[in-house]
Each structure stands twice: as C-alpha cells, then as structure tokens.
Amino acid sequence: MLACLASWTVFVFTDAILWGWLAWVVLALGVPLGETQMVARARRARHSNATGMAAYGLAIRSAFAGQLPPLITFHAIFSAAVFFGSLVCPIGVAIAG
C-alpha cells in the first residue's frame, strides 16, 4: 500500500496518467489481502464457518452491526469509495487529456 500511496502522490503532483494507473493496479492487488483479513476477523468474532460470499456478507453485516473493531468497520465502509474513486480519477484524466 505504500507503493500505491507513492504512485498516487506522483500522479497527483504530475498529472502523469501512468502513475495513476500504476497506483490503481497496486491498490487492486492489495485489496484482496485487506478483504481476506476482514472476513477472517468477522468469522472469528461470530464463530462462523461461512465461506465465499457468505463469509464476506457476514463480515459486512458484522461491521455495520458494530461487532468488529472501529478500524475494521472504517475499512469495510470506506474501502469501496477509495477503490472506485481511485479508478475514476485516471479515467477522468485520460478523458480530459
């Protein structure tokens, strides 16, 4: 994620679209790790053996129900905004450029 932040910072200051896409690719590669950790934490907290999308749904429901620590809840709620927001920016620069 530090590589993503560094690439994004270069993108913001230079408008060089390659850096924006690089940041997004690094983010897209790192997101599954965070999601996997969130699901594992929810499964432990709820004593569940759910797998696949059922386990992911359990994690999201647990976050919104306040059954996960605040930092993990923050991640569950705002990670999609960061992910899709960081996709829109390079697309917007490409269109505007």
N, C-alpha and C. Protein backbone atom coordinates (compact mmCIF):
# COMPACT_ATOMS: atom_id res chain seq x y z
N MET A 1 0.81 -1.18 0.00
CA MET A 1 0.00 0.00 0.00
C MET A 1 0.86 1.26 0.00
N LEU A 2 2.09 1.16 0.53
CA LEU A 2 3.00 2.31 0.45
C LEU A 2 3.37 2.60 -1.01
N ALA A 3 3.52 1.56 -1.82
CA ALA A 3 3.79 1.75 -3.25
C ALA A 3 2.61 2.43 -3.92
N CYS A 4 1.41 2.09 -3.51
CA CYS A 4 0.20 2.73 -4.04
C CYS A 4 0.20 4.20 -3.67
N LEU A 5 0.46 4.49 -2.41
CA LEU A 5 0.46 5.88 -1.95
C LEU A 5 1.53 6.69 -2.67
N ALA A 6 2.71 6.12 -2.84
CA ALA A 6 3.78 6.83 -3.54
C ALA A 6 3.40 7.10 -4.99
N SER A 7 2.87 6.09 -5.66
CA SER A 7 2.45 6.26 -7.05
C SER A 7 1.34 7.29 -7.17
N TRP A 8 0.40 7.24 -6.24
CA TRP A 8 -0.72 8.19 -6.27
C TRP A 8 -0.23 9.62 -6.04
N THR A 9 0.72 9.77 -5.15
CA THR A 9 1.27 11.09 -4.87
C THR A 9 1.95 11.66 -6.11
N VAL A 10 2.73 10.85 -6.79
CA VAL A 10 3.38 11.30 -8.04
C VAL A 10 2.30 11.66 -9.06
N PHE A 11 1.26 10.85 -9.17
CA PHE A 11 0.16 11.13 -10.10
C PHE A 11 -0.50 12.48 -9.80
N VAL A 12 -0.79 12.72 -8.52
CA VAL A 12 -1.47 13.96 -8.14
C VAL A 12 -0.62 15.19 -8.48
N PHE A 13 0.68 15.09 -8.25
CA PHE A 13 1.53 16.26 -8.46
C PHE A 13 1.99 16.44 -9.91
N THR A 14 1.92 15.38 -10.71
CA THR A 14 2.42 15.50 -12.09
C THR A 14 1.36 15.35 -13.15
N ASP A 15 0.21 14.83 -12.82
CA ASP A 15 -0.84 14.51 -13.79
C ASP A 15 -0.38 13.49 -14.84
N ALA A 16 0.69 12.78 -14.55
CA ALA A 16 1.18 11.73 -15.45
C ALA A 16 0.30 10.51 -15.25
N ILE A 17 -0.54 10.23 -16.22
CA ILE A 17 -1.58 9.21 -16.08
C ILE A 17 -1.03 7.82 -15.78
N LEU A 18 0.16 7.52 -16.26
CA LEU A 18 0.76 6.21 -15.98
C LEU A 18 0.87 5.98 -14.48
N TRP A 19 1.21 6.99 -13.71
CA TRP A 19 1.33 6.86 -12.26
C TRP A 19 -0.04 6.60 -11.62
N GLY A 20 -1.07 7.21 -12.15
CA GLY A 20 -2.42 6.97 -11.63
C GLY A 20 -2.85 5.54 -11.86
N TRP A 21 -2.57 5.02 -13.06
CA TRP A 21 -2.94 3.63 -13.34
C TRP A 21 -2.08 2.67 -12.53
N LEU A 22 -0.81 2.99 -12.35
CA LEU A 22 0.06 2.14 -11.54
C LEU A 22 -0.45 2.08 -10.10
N ALA A 23 -0.83 3.24 -9.56
CA ALA A 23 -1.37 3.27 -8.19
C ALA A 23 -2.63 2.41 -8.10
N TRP A 24 -3.50 2.49 -9.10
CA TRP A 24 -4.73 1.72 -9.06
C TRP A 24 -4.45 0.22 -9.15
N VAL A 25 -3.51 -0.17 -9.99
CA VAL A 25 -3.17 -1.60 -10.12
C VAL A 25 -2.61 -2.12 -8.80
N VAL A 26 -1.73 -1.36 -8.17
CA VAL A 26 -1.19 -1.79 -6.88
C VAL A 26 -2.30 -1.89 -5.85
N LEU A 27 -3.21 -0.94 -5.86
CA LEU A 27 -4.35 -0.98 -4.95
C LEU A 27 -5.20 -2.22 -5.22
N ALA A 28 -5.47 -2.48 -6.49
CA ALA A 28 -6.29 -3.65 -6.86
C ALA A 28 -5.63 -4.96 -6.44
N LEU A 29 -4.32 -5.00 -6.44
CA LEU A 29 -3.62 -6.20 -6.00
C LEU A 29 -3.61 -6.32 -4.48
N GLY A 30 -3.64 -5.20 -3.77
CA GLY A 30 -3.59 -5.22 -2.32
C GLY A 30 -4.94 -5.38 -1.64
N VAL A 31 -5.99 -4.99 -2.30
CA VAL A 31 -7.33 -5.05 -1.70
C VAL A 31 -7.71 -6.47 -1.24
N PRO A 32 -7.45 -7.49 -2.02
CA PRO A 32 -7.84 -8.84 -1.54
C PRO A 32 -7.22 -9.21 -0.20
N LEU A 33 -6.02 -8.74 0.07
CA LEU A 33 -5.40 -9.04 1.37
C LEU A 33 -6.22 -8.41 2.50
N GLY A 34 -6.57 -7.15 2.36
CA GLY A 34 -7.37 -6.48 3.38
C GLY A 34 -8.74 -7.11 3.55
N GLU A 35 -9.35 -7.45 2.43
CA GLU A 35 -10.68 -8.08 2.49
C GLU A 35 -10.60 -9.44 3.15
N THR A 36 -9.57 -10.20 2.85
CA THR A 36 -9.38 -11.53 3.45
C THR A 36 -9.21 -11.41 4.96
N GLN A 37 -8.44 -10.43 5.38
CA GLN A 37 -8.24 -10.23 6.82
C GLN A 37 -9.54 -9.81 7.50
N MET A 38 -10.31 -8.95 6.85
CA MET A 38 -11.58 -8.52 7.42
C MET A 38 -12.54 -9.71 7.57
N VAL A 39 -12.62 -10.54 6.56
CA VAL A 39 -13.50 -11.71 6.61
C VAL A 39 -13.05 -12.68 7.70
N ALA A 40 -11.75 -12.91 7.80
CA ALA A 40 -11.25 -13.82 8.83
C ALA A 40 -11.58 -13.29 10.23
N ARG A 41 -11.43 -11.98 10.41
CA ARG A 41 -11.73 -11.38 11.71
C ARG A 41 -13.22 -11.53 12.04
N ALA A 42 -14.08 -11.32 11.06
CA ALA A 42 -15.52 -11.46 11.29
C ALA A 42 -15.89 -12.90 11.58
N ARG A 43 -15.27 -13.83 10.87
CA ARG A 43 -15.58 -15.24 11.12
C ARG A 43 -15.20 -15.63 12.55
N ARG A 44 -14.03 -15.14 13.01
CA ARG A 44 -13.62 -15.43 14.39
C ARG A 44 -14.57 -14.78 15.40
N ALA A 45 -14.93 -13.52 15.14
CA ALA A 45 -15.80 -12.80 16.07
C ALA A 45 -17.18 -13.43 16.17
N ARG A 46 -17.67 -13.96 15.06
CA ARG A 46 -19.02 -14.54 15.04
C ARG A 46 -19.01 -16.06 15.17
N HIS A 47 -17.84 -16.65 15.33
CA HIS A 47 -17.71 -18.11 15.46
C HIS A 47 -18.41 -18.80 14.30
N SER A 48 -18.07 -18.37 13.09
CA SER A 48 -18.74 -18.86 11.89
C SER A 48 -17.78 -19.69 11.04
N ASN A 49 -18.33 -20.63 10.32
CA ASN A 49 -17.58 -21.41 9.33
C ASN A 49 -17.97 -21.03 7.91
N ALA A 50 -18.63 -19.89 7.76
CA ALA A 50 -19.07 -19.46 6.43
C ALA A 50 -17.88 -19.31 5.50
N THR A 51 -18.11 -19.57 4.22
CA THR A 51 -17.06 -19.43 3.22
C THR A 51 -17.58 -18.60 2.05
N GLY A 52 -16.67 -18.17 1.21
CA GLY A 52 -17.03 -17.45 -0.02
C GLY A 52 -17.80 -16.17 0.25
N MET A 53 -18.79 -15.93 -0.59
CA MET A 53 -19.58 -14.69 -0.49
C MET A 53 -20.39 -14.65 0.81
N ALA A 54 -20.76 -15.81 1.34
CA ALA A 54 -21.48 -15.82 2.61
C ALA A 54 -20.59 -15.27 3.72
N ALA A 55 -19.32 -15.61 3.70
CA ALA A 55 -18.38 -15.10 4.70
C ALA A 55 -18.16 -13.60 4.51
N TYR A 56 -18.10 -13.15 3.27
CA TYR A 56 -17.94 -11.72 3.01
C TYR A 56 -19.18 -10.95 3.48
N GLY A 57 -20.36 -11.48 3.19
CA GLY A 57 -21.59 -10.86 3.66
C GLY A 57 -21.64 -10.80 5.18
N LEU A 58 -21.18 -11.86 5.82
CA LEU A 58 -21.11 -11.89 7.28
C LEU A 58 -20.21 -10.77 7.79
N ALA A 59 -19.08 -10.57 7.13
CA ALA A 59 -18.14 -9.53 7.54
C ALA A 59 -18.77 -8.14 7.41
N ILE A 60 -19.43 -7.89 6.31
CA ILE A 60 -20.06 -6.58 6.11
C ILE A 60 -21.18 -6.36 7.12
N ARG A 61 -22.02 -7.38 7.32
CA ARG A 61 -23.09 -7.26 8.32
C ARG A 61 -22.52 -7.03 9.72
N SER A 62 -21.44 -7.73 10.03
CA SER A 62 -20.80 -7.58 11.34
C SER A 62 -20.26 -6.16 11.52
N ALA A 63 -19.69 -5.61 10.45
CA ALA A 63 -19.16 -4.24 10.53
C ALA A 63 -20.29 -3.25 10.80
N PHE A 64 -21.37 -3.36 10.05
CA PHE A 64 -22.47 -2.42 10.22
C PHE A 64 -23.22 -2.62 11.54
N ALA A 65 -23.12 -3.82 12.11
CA ALA A 65 -23.76 -4.09 13.40
C ALA A 65 -22.87 -3.69 14.58
N GLY A 66 -21.68 -3.19 14.29
CA GLY A 66 -20.77 -2.77 15.35
C GLY A 66 -20.09 -3.92 16.07
N GLN A 67 -19.99 -5.08 15.41
CA GLN A 67 -19.41 -6.25 16.04
C GLN A 67 -17.93 -6.42 15.71
N LEU A 68 -17.37 -5.48 14.98
CA LEU A 68 -15.96 -5.51 14.65
C LEU A 68 -15.31 -4.25 15.21
N PRO A 69 -13.99 -4.27 15.41
CA PRO A 69 -13.31 -3.08 15.92
C PRO A 69 -13.53 -1.88 14.98
N PRO A 70 -13.47 -0.67 15.54
CA PRO A 70 -13.74 0.53 14.74
C PRO A 70 -12.87 0.66 13.48
N LEU A 71 -11.61 0.32 13.54
CA LEU A 71 -10.75 0.44 12.37
C LEU A 71 -11.19 -0.50 11.25
N ILE A 72 -11.60 -1.68 11.60
CA ILE A 72 -12.07 -2.63 10.60
C ILE A 72 -13.41 -2.18 10.03
N THR A 73 -14.26 -1.64 10.87
CA THR A 73 -15.53 -1.10 10.40
C THR A 73 -15.29 0.05 9.42
N PHE A 74 -14.35 0.93 9.76
CA PHE A 74 -13.99 2.03 8.87
C PHE A 74 -13.54 1.48 7.51
N HIS A 75 -12.70 0.45 7.53
CA HIS A 75 -12.22 -0.15 6.30
C HIS A 75 -13.38 -0.72 5.48
N ALA A 76 -14.28 -1.41 6.14
CA ALA A 76 -15.40 -2.04 5.43
C ALA A 76 -16.28 -1.00 4.75
N ILE A 77 -16.48 0.12 5.41
CA ILE A 77 -17.38 1.13 4.88
C ILE A 77 -16.74 1.97 3.77
N PHE A 78 -15.47 2.36 3.97
CA PHE A 78 -14.87 3.33 3.06
C PHE A 78 -13.93 2.74 2.01
N SER A 79 -13.60 1.47 2.09
CA SER A 79 -12.68 0.90 1.12
C SER A 79 -13.24 0.93 -0.30
N ALA A 80 -14.53 0.72 -0.43
CA ALA A 80 -15.13 0.77 -1.78
C ALA A 80 -15.05 2.17 -2.36
N ALA A 81 -15.26 3.19 -1.54
CA ALA A 81 -15.17 4.57 -2.02
C ALA A 81 -13.76 4.89 -2.49
N VAL A 82 -12.77 4.43 -1.76
CA VAL A 82 -11.37 4.65 -2.16
C VAL A 82 -11.06 3.89 -3.44
N PHE A 83 -11.47 2.64 -3.49
CA PHE A 83 -11.17 1.81 -4.65
C PHE A 83 -11.77 2.40 -5.93
N PHE A 84 -13.07 2.67 -5.91
CA PHE A 84 -13.72 3.17 -7.12
C PHE A 84 -13.37 4.63 -7.39
N GLY A 85 -13.15 5.40 -6.34
CA GLY A 85 -12.71 6.78 -6.53
C GLY A 85 -11.35 6.86 -7.19
N SER A 86 -10.46 5.95 -6.81
CA SER A 86 -9.13 5.95 -7.42
C SER A 86 -9.16 5.39 -8.84
N LEU A 87 -10.21 4.73 -9.22
CA LEU A 87 -10.38 4.28 -10.60
C LEU A 87 -10.91 5.42 -11.46
N VAL A 88 -11.82 6.20 -10.90
CA VAL A 88 -12.43 7.29 -11.66
C VAL A 88 -11.41 8.38 -12.01
N CYS A 89 -10.48 8.66 -11.11
CA CYS A 89 -9.51 9.75 -11.35
C CYS A 89 -8.66 9.53 -12.60
N PRO A 90 -7.98 8.38 -12.77
CA PRO A 90 -7.21 8.21 -14.00
C PRO A 90 -8.09 8.20 -15.26
N ILE A 91 -9.30 7.67 -15.14
CA ILE A 91 -10.21 7.69 -16.28
C ILE A 91 -10.55 9.13 -16.63
N GLY A 92 -10.83 9.95 -15.61
CA GLY A 92 -11.13 11.36 -15.85
C GLY A 92 -9.97 12.11 -16.48
N VAL A 93 -8.76 11.85 -16.02
CA VAL A 93 -7.58 12.50 -16.60
C VAL A 93 -7.39 12.04 -18.05
N ALA A 94 -7.63 10.77 -18.31
CA ALA A 94 -7.49 10.25 -19.68
C ALA A 94 -8.51 10.92 -20.61
N ILE A 95 -9.73 11.08 -20.15
CA ILE A 95 -10.76 11.70 -20.96
C ILE A 95 -10.47 13.19 -21.17
N ALA A 96 -10.05 13.85 -20.09
CA ALA A 96 -9.77 15.29 -20.18
C ALA A 96 -8.51 15.59 -20.99
N GLY A 97 -7.57 14.63 -20.98
CA GLY A 97 -6.29 14.85 -21.65
C GLY A 97 -6.41 14.66 -23.10
